[in-house]
Protein backbone atom coordinates (compact mmCIF):
# COMPACT_ATOMS: atom_id res chain seq x y z
CA UNK A 1 78.06 101.88 119.34
CA UNK A 2 76.30 103.78 116.85
CA UNK A 3 74.47 103.17 113.74
CA UNK A 4 76.52 105.53 111.25
CA UNK A 5 75.47 106.09 107.21
CA UNK A 6 77.94 107.26 105.39
CA UNK A 7 76.93 109.27 102.05
CA UNK A 8 79.14 109.05 99.42
CA UNK A 9 81.90 106.35 98.45
CA UNK A 10 84.90 108.52 97.28
CA UNK A 11 87.96 108.41 99.21
CA UNK A 12 86.89 110.13 102.40
CA UNK A 13 83.83 108.46 102.96
CA UNK A 14 86.00 104.92 102.52
CA UNK A 15 88.63 105.99 104.72
CA UNK A 16 86.05 107.14 107.51
CA UNK A 17 83.88 103.88 107.22
CA UNK A 18 87.26 101.68 107.81
CA UNK A 19 88.15 103.96 110.69
CA UNK A 20 84.78 103.99 112.47
CA UNK A 21 84.70 100.10 111.99
CA UNK A 22 87.57 99.99 113.64
CA UNK A 23 86.04 101.85 116.32
CA UNK A 24 83.56 99.44 116.56
CA UNK A 25 80.62 101.22 114.92
CA UNK A 26 77.83 99.83 112.50
CA UNK A 27 78.73 101.62 109.20
CA UNK A 28 77.02 101.67 105.91
CA UNK A 29 78.25 103.54 103.53
CA UNK A 30 75.90 104.57 100.28
CA UNK A 31 77.12 105.41 97.01
CA UNK A 32 75.11 106.96 94.21
CA UNK A 33 76.97 105.28 91.11
CA UNK A 34 76.41 101.72 90.19
CA UNK A 35 80.11 100.52 90.77
CA UNK A 36 83.37 102.58 91.05
CA UNK A 37 84.86 103.65 88.13
CA UNK A 38 88.15 102.01 86.81
CA UNK A 39 89.14 104.63 84.65
CA UNK A 40 91.06 107.39 86.32
CA UNK A 41 93.69 109.71 87.47
CA UNK A 42 96.71 109.76 89.82
CA UNK A 43 96.95 111.46 92.75
CA UNK A 44 99.63 112.32 95.23
CA UNK A 45 99.58 111.57 98.97
CA UNK A 46 101.96 113.43 100.89
CA UNK A 47 103.40 112.48 104.16
CA UNK A 48 100.88 114.02 106.47
CA UNK A 49 98.15 111.93 104.79
CA UNK A 50 100.18 108.80 104.73
CA UNK A 51 100.99 109.06 108.56
CA UNK A 52 97.26 109.35 108.86
CA UNK A 53 97.13 106.27 107.11
CA UNK A 54 99.23 104.68 108.83
CA UNK A 55 97.92 105.36 112.05
CA UNK A 56 94.73 103.41 110.58
CA UNK A 57 96.32 100.45 109.51
CA UNK A 58 95.71 101.18 105.74
CA UNK A 59 99.42 102.47 104.85
CA UNK A 60 101.06 98.89 104.51
CA UNK A 61 98.20 97.62 101.80
CA UNK A 62 98.29 100.85 100.03
CA UNK A 63 102.19 101.12 99.55
CA UNK A 64 102.27 97.92 97.27
CA UNK A 65 100.68 100.32 94.64
CA UNK A 66 102.42 103.18 95.32
CA UNK A 67 105.67 105.00 93.99
CA UNK A 68 107.81 107.22 96.37
CA UNK A 69 108.82 110.66 95.44
CA UNK A 70 112.29 111.71 95.78
CA UNK A 71 112.05 115.12 94.17
CA UNK A 72 109.55 117.58 92.75
CA UNK A 73 110.76 120.45 90.03
CA UNK A 74 109.03 123.17 88.63
CA UNK A 75 110.50 124.11 85.35
CA UNK A 76 109.89 126.93 82.91
CA UNK A 77 108.07 126.05 79.38
CA UNK A 78 112.01 125.77 77.68
CA UNK A 79 112.94 123.20 80.61
CA UNK A 80 114.86 125.58 82.94
CA UNK A 81 114.56 124.62 86.65
CA UNK A 82 112.46 127.28 88.37
CA UNK A 83 112.58 125.66 91.82
CA UNK A 84 112.72 122.50 93.55
CA UNK A 85 111.79 120.49 96.82
CA UNK A 86 113.78 117.58 97.84
CA UNK A 87 111.20 115.00 99.06
CA UNK A 88 113.91 113.25 101.35
CA UNK A 89 114.23 116.31 103.55
CA UNK A 90 110.39 115.79 104.04
CA UNK A 91 111.11 111.94 104.78
CA UNK A 92 113.70 112.77 107.14
CA UNK A 93 112.13 115.38 108.78
CA UNK A 94 108.69 113.80 109.23
CA UNK A 95 109.26 110.11 109.07
CA UNK A 96 107.09 109.21 106.31
CA UNK A 97 107.07 109.68 102.35
CA UNK A 98 105.49 111.53 99.59
CA UNK A 99 104.03 109.02 97.34
CA UNK A 100 101.78 108.54 94.50
CA UNK A 101 99.09 106.32 93.36
CA UNK A 102 96.56 105.77 90.86
CA UNK A 103 93.06 106.37 91.92
CA UNK A 104 91.42 103.55 91.04
CA UNK A 105 94.35 101.56 93.01
CA UNK A 106 93.61 103.40 96.07
CA UNK A 107 90.07 102.80 95.53
CA UNK A 108 90.42 99.21 95.40
CA UNK A 109 92.87 99.00 98.52
CA UNK A 110 90.06 100.77 100.66
CA UNK A 111 87.34 99.11 99.33
CA UNK A 112 88.93 95.71 100.19
CA UNK A 113 89.36 97.00 103.59
CA UNK A 114 85.85 97.15 104.65
CA UNK A 115 83.60 94.22 106.00
CA UNK A 116 81.63 92.64 103.36
CA UNK A 117 78.53 94.12 102.69
CA UNK A 118 79.49 97.79 103.86
CA UNK A 119 79.03 99.29 100.48
CA UNK A 120 75.29 99.72 98.79
CA UNK A 121 75.92 100.90 95.49
CA UNK A 122 73.02 102.85 93.35
CA UNK A 123 72.24 104.98 96.24
CA UNK A 124 71.80 108.76 95.34
CA UNK A 125 70.86 110.77 98.29
CA UNK A 126 68.13 113.10 97.47
CA UNK A 127 66.98 114.33 101.04
CA UNK A 128 67.51 114.26 104.64
CA UNK A 129 65.71 114.99 107.70
CA UNK A 130 67.42 115.73 110.86
CA UNK A 131 65.49 114.74 114.16
CA UNK A 132 66.94 114.89 117.80
CA UNK A 133 67.54 111.07 117.84
CA UNK A 134 68.42 110.67 114.44
CA UNK A 135 68.50 111.50 110.75
CA UNK A 136 66.23 109.86 107.79
CA UNK A 137 68.02 109.81 104.36
CA UNK A 138 65.82 109.57 101.32
CA UNK A 139 67.29 108.10 98.01
CA UNK A 140 66.37 108.40 94.10
CA UNK A 141 64.89 105.04 94.42
CA UNK A 142 62.52 105.65 96.85
CA UNK A 143 63.93 104.19 99.86
CA UNK A 144 64.36 106.25 103.22
CA UNK A 145 66.86 104.92 105.89
CA UNK A 146 67.72 105.84 109.28
CA UNK A 147 70.86 106.53 111.39
CA UNK A 148 72.30 107.41 114.29
CA UNK A 149 74.09 109.89 112.46
CA UNK A 150 75.46 110.93 109.04
CA UNK A 151 78.80 111.71 107.60
CA UNK A 152 78.30 113.57 104.76
CA UNK A 153 81.05 112.88 101.98
CA UNK A 154 79.12 113.78 98.94
CA UNK A 155 81.86 115.50 97.51
CA UNK A 156 82.03 119.41 95.96
CA UNK A 157 78.34 119.31 95.06
CA UNK A 158 77.13 118.21 98.37
CA UNK A 159 73.52 118.38 98.89
CA UNK A 160 74.22 118.24 102.79
CA UNK A 161 76.41 121.06 102.66
CA UNK A 162 74.27 123.08 100.00
CA UNK A 163 71.10 122.44 102.53
CA UNK A 164 72.70 123.50 105.77
CA UNK A 165 75.28 126.06 104.55
CA UNK A 166 73.17 128.10 102.06
CA UNK A 167 75.30 130.07 99.25
CA UNK A 168 78.09 127.57 99.84
CA UNK A 169 78.29 126.89 96.33
CA UNK A 170 81.59 126.10 94.41
CA UNK A 171 83.47 128.61 92.80
CA UNK A 172 85.56 128.44 89.81
CA UNK A 173 89.36 128.81 89.92
CA UNK A 174 89.66 130.50 86.29
CA UNK A 175 91.70 127.25 84.62
CA UNK A 176 90.25 123.58 83.59
CA UNK A 177 92.34 120.61 83.46
CA UNK A 178 92.52 117.25 81.54
CA UNK A 179 93.91 114.53 82.75
CA UNK A 180 95.23 111.16 81.49
CA UNK A 181 97.09 107.94 82.87
CA UNK A 182 99.32 106.54 80.25
CA UNK A 183 101.95 103.53 79.98
CA UNK A 184 105.61 104.67 79.93
CA UNK A 185 106.19 104.98 75.96
CA UNK A 186 110.26 105.14 76.59
CA UNK A 187 110.57 108.59 76.70
CA UNK A 188 112.89 108.01 80.18
CA UNK A 189 111.51 109.95 82.89
CA UNK A 190 112.82 109.84 86.26
CA UNK A 191 110.31 107.80 87.87
CA UNK A 192 110.97 109.09 91.42
CA UNK A 193 110.83 112.76 90.34
CA UNK A 194 107.32 114.76 89.74
CA UNK A 195 107.69 117.82 87.55
CA UNK A 196 105.27 120.77 86.75
CA UNK A 197 106.11 123.01 83.81
CA UNK A 198 105.00 126.74 84.04
CA UNK A 199 104.70 128.72 80.88
CA UNK A 200 102.62 131.29 79.00
CA UNK A 201 100.06 128.71 77.83
CA UNK A 202 99.66 126.56 80.77
CA UNK A 203 100.83 124.32 83.11
CA UNK A 204 101.67 120.71 82.21
CA UNK A 205 102.69 118.46 85.30
CA UNK A 206 104.36 114.48 84.97
CA UNK A 207 103.63 112.13 87.55
CA UNK A 208 105.38 108.62 87.88
CA UNK A 209 103.10 105.94 89.10
CA UNK A 210 104.01 102.48 89.97
CA UNK A 211 103.95 99.85 86.98
CA UNK A 212 105.79 101.80 84.96
CA UNK A 213 102.62 104.10 84.53
CA UNK A 214 102.87 108.06 83.93
CA UNK A 215 99.96 110.54 85.22
CA UNK A 216 99.81 113.73 83.56
CA UNK A 217 97.56 116.83 83.60
CA UNK A 218 97.43 119.91 81.98
CA UNK A 219 95.76 123.29 82.97
CA UNK A 220 94.66 125.94 80.67
CA UNK A 221 93.21 129.54 81.33
CA UNK A 222 89.29 129.42 80.52
CA UNK A 223 86.03 130.11 80.96
CA UNK A 224 83.81 128.19 83.33
CA UNK A 225 81.91 125.46 81.66
CA UNK A 226 83.40 126.67 77.77
CA UNK A 227 81.82 124.57 75.29
CA UNK A 228 84.53 124.83 72.64
CA UNK A 229 87.13 123.96 75.48
CA UNK A 230 84.89 120.85 76.13
CA UNK A 231 85.70 119.75 72.89
CA UNK A 232 89.29 119.51 73.25
CA UNK A 233 91.21 116.47 72.47
CA UNK A 234 94.83 115.47 72.19
CA UNK A 235 95.29 117.29 68.56
CA UNK A 236 94.18 120.63 70.37
CA UNK A 237 96.06 119.99 73.47
CA UNK A 238 99.32 119.45 71.22
CA UNK A 239 98.79 122.48 69.39
CA UNK A 240 98.79 124.05 72.80
CA UNK A 241 102.13 122.53 74.17
CA UNK A 242 103.88 122.03 71.03
CA UNK A 243 106.79 124.25 72.08
CA UNK A 244 107.08 123.22 75.78
CA UNK A 245 110.25 121.25 76.38
CA UNK A 246 110.52 117.65 76.04
CA UNK A 247 108.97 114.83 76.89
CA UNK A 248 105.82 117.13 77.19
CA UNK A 249 104.77 117.08 73.52
CA UNK A 250 105.89 113.22 73.39
CA UNK A 251 103.66 112.21 76.57
CA UNK A 252 100.58 113.79 74.84
CA UNK A 253 101.06 111.89 71.67
CA UNK A 254 101.30 109.35 73.36
CA UNK A 255 97.86 109.19 74.84
CA UNK A 256 94.53 108.67 72.87
CA UNK A 257 91.37 110.73 73.47
CA UNK A 258 89.70 108.22 75.26
CA UNK A 259 92.15 108.39 78.01
CA UNK A 260 91.40 111.86 78.61
CA UNK A 261 89.36 113.14 81.70
CA UNK A 262 88.55 117.16 81.91
CA UNK A 263 87.03 119.10 84.53
CA UNK A 264 87.08 123.11 85.43
CA UNK A 265 89.08 123.19 88.78
CA UNK A 266 86.79 124.13 91.61
CA UNK A 267 87.00 124.78 95.09
CA UNK A 268 84.48 126.31 97.99
CA UNK A 269 85.25 129.31 99.90
CA UNK A 270 85.84 128.03 103.40
CA UNK A 271 82.67 127.74 105.55
CA UNK A 272 82.26 128.36 109.19
CA UNK A 273 80.91 125.07 109.94
CA UNK A 274 80.99 121.23 109.69
CA UNK A 275 79.24 119.58 112.44
CA UNK A 276 75.53 120.07 112.57
CA UNK A 277 74.13 117.90 115.68
CA UNK A 278 73.76 114.35 114.26
CA UNK A 279 75.38 115.53 110.87
CA UNK A 280 79.02 116.19 109.92
CA UNK A 281 80.41 117.18 106.75
CA UNK A 282 83.99 115.46 105.58
CA UNK A 283 86.26 115.59 102.85
CA UNK A 284 85.41 117.64 99.44
CA UNK A 285 82.02 118.12 100.95
CA UNK A 286 83.43 119.90 103.82
CA UNK A 287 86.64 121.91 102.15
CA UNK A 288 87.10 121.18 98.42
CA UNK A 289 90.30 122.87 97.54
CA UNK A 290 92.15 122.93 94.15
CA UNK A 291 94.85 120.47 93.29
CA UNK A 292 97.86 122.90 93.57
CA UNK A 293 99.20 121.66 97.08
CA UNK A 294 98.12 117.84 96.30
CA UNK A 295 96.38 117.77 99.57
CA UNK A 296 92.76 116.93 98.02
CA UNK A 297 92.79 113.44 98.86
CA UNK A 298 94.89 113.75 101.92
CA UNK A 299 93.26 116.17 103.83
CA UNK A 300 89.94 113.54 103.47
CA UNK A 301 92.36 111.16 105.26
CA UNK A 302 93.18 113.35 107.79
CA UNK A 303 89.05 113.97 108.36
CA UNK A 304 88.49 110.11 108.82
CA UNK A 305 91.64 109.48 111.28
CA UNK A 306 90.51 112.40 113.28
CA UNK A 307 86.76 111.87 113.23
CA UNK A 308 87.26 108.63 114.40
CA UNK A 309 89.59 109.58 117.31
CA UNK A 310 87.07 112.29 118.50
CA UNK A 311 84.32 109.82 118.42
CA UNK A 312 86.43 107.36 120.56
CA UNK A 313 86.95 110.00 123.51
CA UNK A 314 83.56 112.23 123.14
CA UNK A 315 80.75 111.47 125.47
CA UNK A 316 78.15 111.81 122.57
CA UNK A 317 77.91 112.06 119.13
CA UNK A 318 77.23 115.86 118.70
CA UNK A 319 80.39 116.58 121.05
CA UNK A 320 82.57 114.47 118.93
CA UNK A 321 81.49 116.18 115.69
CA UNK A 322 82.17 119.66 117.42
CA UNK A 323 85.53 118.39 118.47
CA UNK A 324 86.35 117.11 114.61
CA UNK A 325 84.70 120.78 113.57
CA UNK A 326 87.15 122.49 115.91
CA UNK A 327 90.40 120.54 114.84
CA UNK A 328 89.83 120.89 110.93
CA UNK A 329 88.28 124.11 110.42
CA UNK A 330 91.65 126.60 110.43
CA UNK A 331 93.71 123.78 109.02
CA UNK A 332 91.64 123.09 105.90
CA UNK A 333 90.90 126.97 105.25
CA UNK A 334 94.40 127.82 105.04
CA UNK A 335 95.05 124.92 102.64
CA UNK A 336 92.23 126.04 100.63
CA UNK A 337 93.49 129.65 100.40
CA UNK A 338 97.27 128.67 99.87
CA UNK A 339 96.32 126.39 97.32
CA UNK A 340 94.22 129.09 95.33
CA UNK A 341 96.97 131.25 95.59
CA UNK A 342 99.75 128.95 93.82
CA UNK A 343 97.39 128.37 91.06
CA UNK A 344 97.04 132.04 90.17
CA UNK A 345 100.63 132.33 90.29
CA UNK A 346 101.50 129.04 88.47
CA UNK A 347 98.78 129.90 85.63
CA UNK A 348 100.20 133.31 84.65
CA UNK A 349 100.25 134.09 80.84
CA UNK A 350 101.68 137.71 80.99
CA UNK A 351 105.70 137.21 79.88
CA UNK A 352 106.75 139.75 82.10
CA UNK A 353 105.12 138.77 85.07
CA UNK A 354 106.20 135.07 84.00
CA UNK A 355 109.80 136.26 84.03
CA UNK A 356 109.85 138.24 87.62
CA UNK A 357 107.97 134.92 89.24
CA UNK A 358 110.29 132.57 87.78
CA UNK A 359 113.54 134.86 88.69
CA UNK A 360 111.90 135.35 92.36
CA UNK A 361 111.33 131.91 93.04
CA UNK A 362 114.81 130.82 91.93
CA UNK A 363 116.31 133.05 94.51
CA UNK A 364 114.22 131.69 97.37
CA UNK A 365 116.42 129.12 99.48
CA UNK A 366 115.01 125.67 100.02
CA UNK A 367 114.89 126.02 103.58
CA UNK A 368 112.48 129.30 103.10
CA UNK A 369 110.24 126.78 101.10
CA UNK A 370 110.48 124.21 103.09
CA UNK A 371 109.47 126.57 106.30
CA UNK A 372 106.41 127.83 104.43
CA UNK A 373 105.08 124.68 103.64
CA UNK A 374 106.14 122.90 106.94
CA UNK A 375 102.45 123.44 108.14
CA UNK A 376 101.32 120.65 105.81
CA UNK A 377 103.45 117.97 106.82
CA UNK A 378 104.08 118.47 110.88
CA UNK A 379 100.36 118.06 111.37
CA UNK A 380 99.29 117.92 115.07
CA UNK A 381 96.19 116.04 115.30
CA UNK A 382 95.90 115.49 119.00
């Protein structure tokens, strides 16, 4: 079997390492950080991604740390329901649930599933050279390794993508996002319901996690890399969202500054190729998307499963990578586009456009909404 180097120890890289080891490949994963960071945010794992994990044999250990969602509701800043999605219908239709999990818990589950010694830390990739019979990868510490193939799972800033697809730089979505995970301070949220509030000053999400924790996020329109916004802490966020419905101000007040994580929201315009002979792009390195469909991690999980299947059936590495590309390009491009559109609609600030948006969404029957998003969960991978 092939000697495969995976660059990047995020969700996509870890899932792929496990999937390829299950297929008998000799896998080494190189991660630039000294260790996996313990702080982090929550994330959603859609029914489609959970199905991929189930096929990989990773669903059961992950579910021990997960919370099943029964409903997802979009609210106005005053707390009125704009639209809602019954996750039980998704479960009944597609056979798996939508769940939430703390990112640190998911990383731990994935790491523990790998063979000992699979991950090498402190290995930041700085260069690579592809040859006819292999790929040489050089690291910041001066070491160069050689592999039969490379899976580039090195994130939205991927060195591999930037080199192989010139001009594929991340693009700013127009808003920045703060995230935090807190212990439920007793404010009485429904621990099987995720909410997202769309108001004139920004968007606020509340997501239940296992163990009585709450993951929240706040998205506000801003200039890219705004130095003033970068200084915002709890007091500034409370000032922005103080007039939003309960329990938003209370959740912000229950958070300390040290728990805050902030990032400008970025994605990548869909690129034409993921496969380059013995190198293949995966996860955010290939198709980073805004978080508005909750599909970023899920698409990396799908990638891992499909890549492993392609390697099982193809006659050689390059053919497998091309087949993976064929199966993934259109689906991931559609998700990038739709997620970007939802973000623009959700971040409206004009009060008249907000009223129009809310009125229109209230009139959309649940069956129509389900039909529009059906492709997310009804993925055909074979």
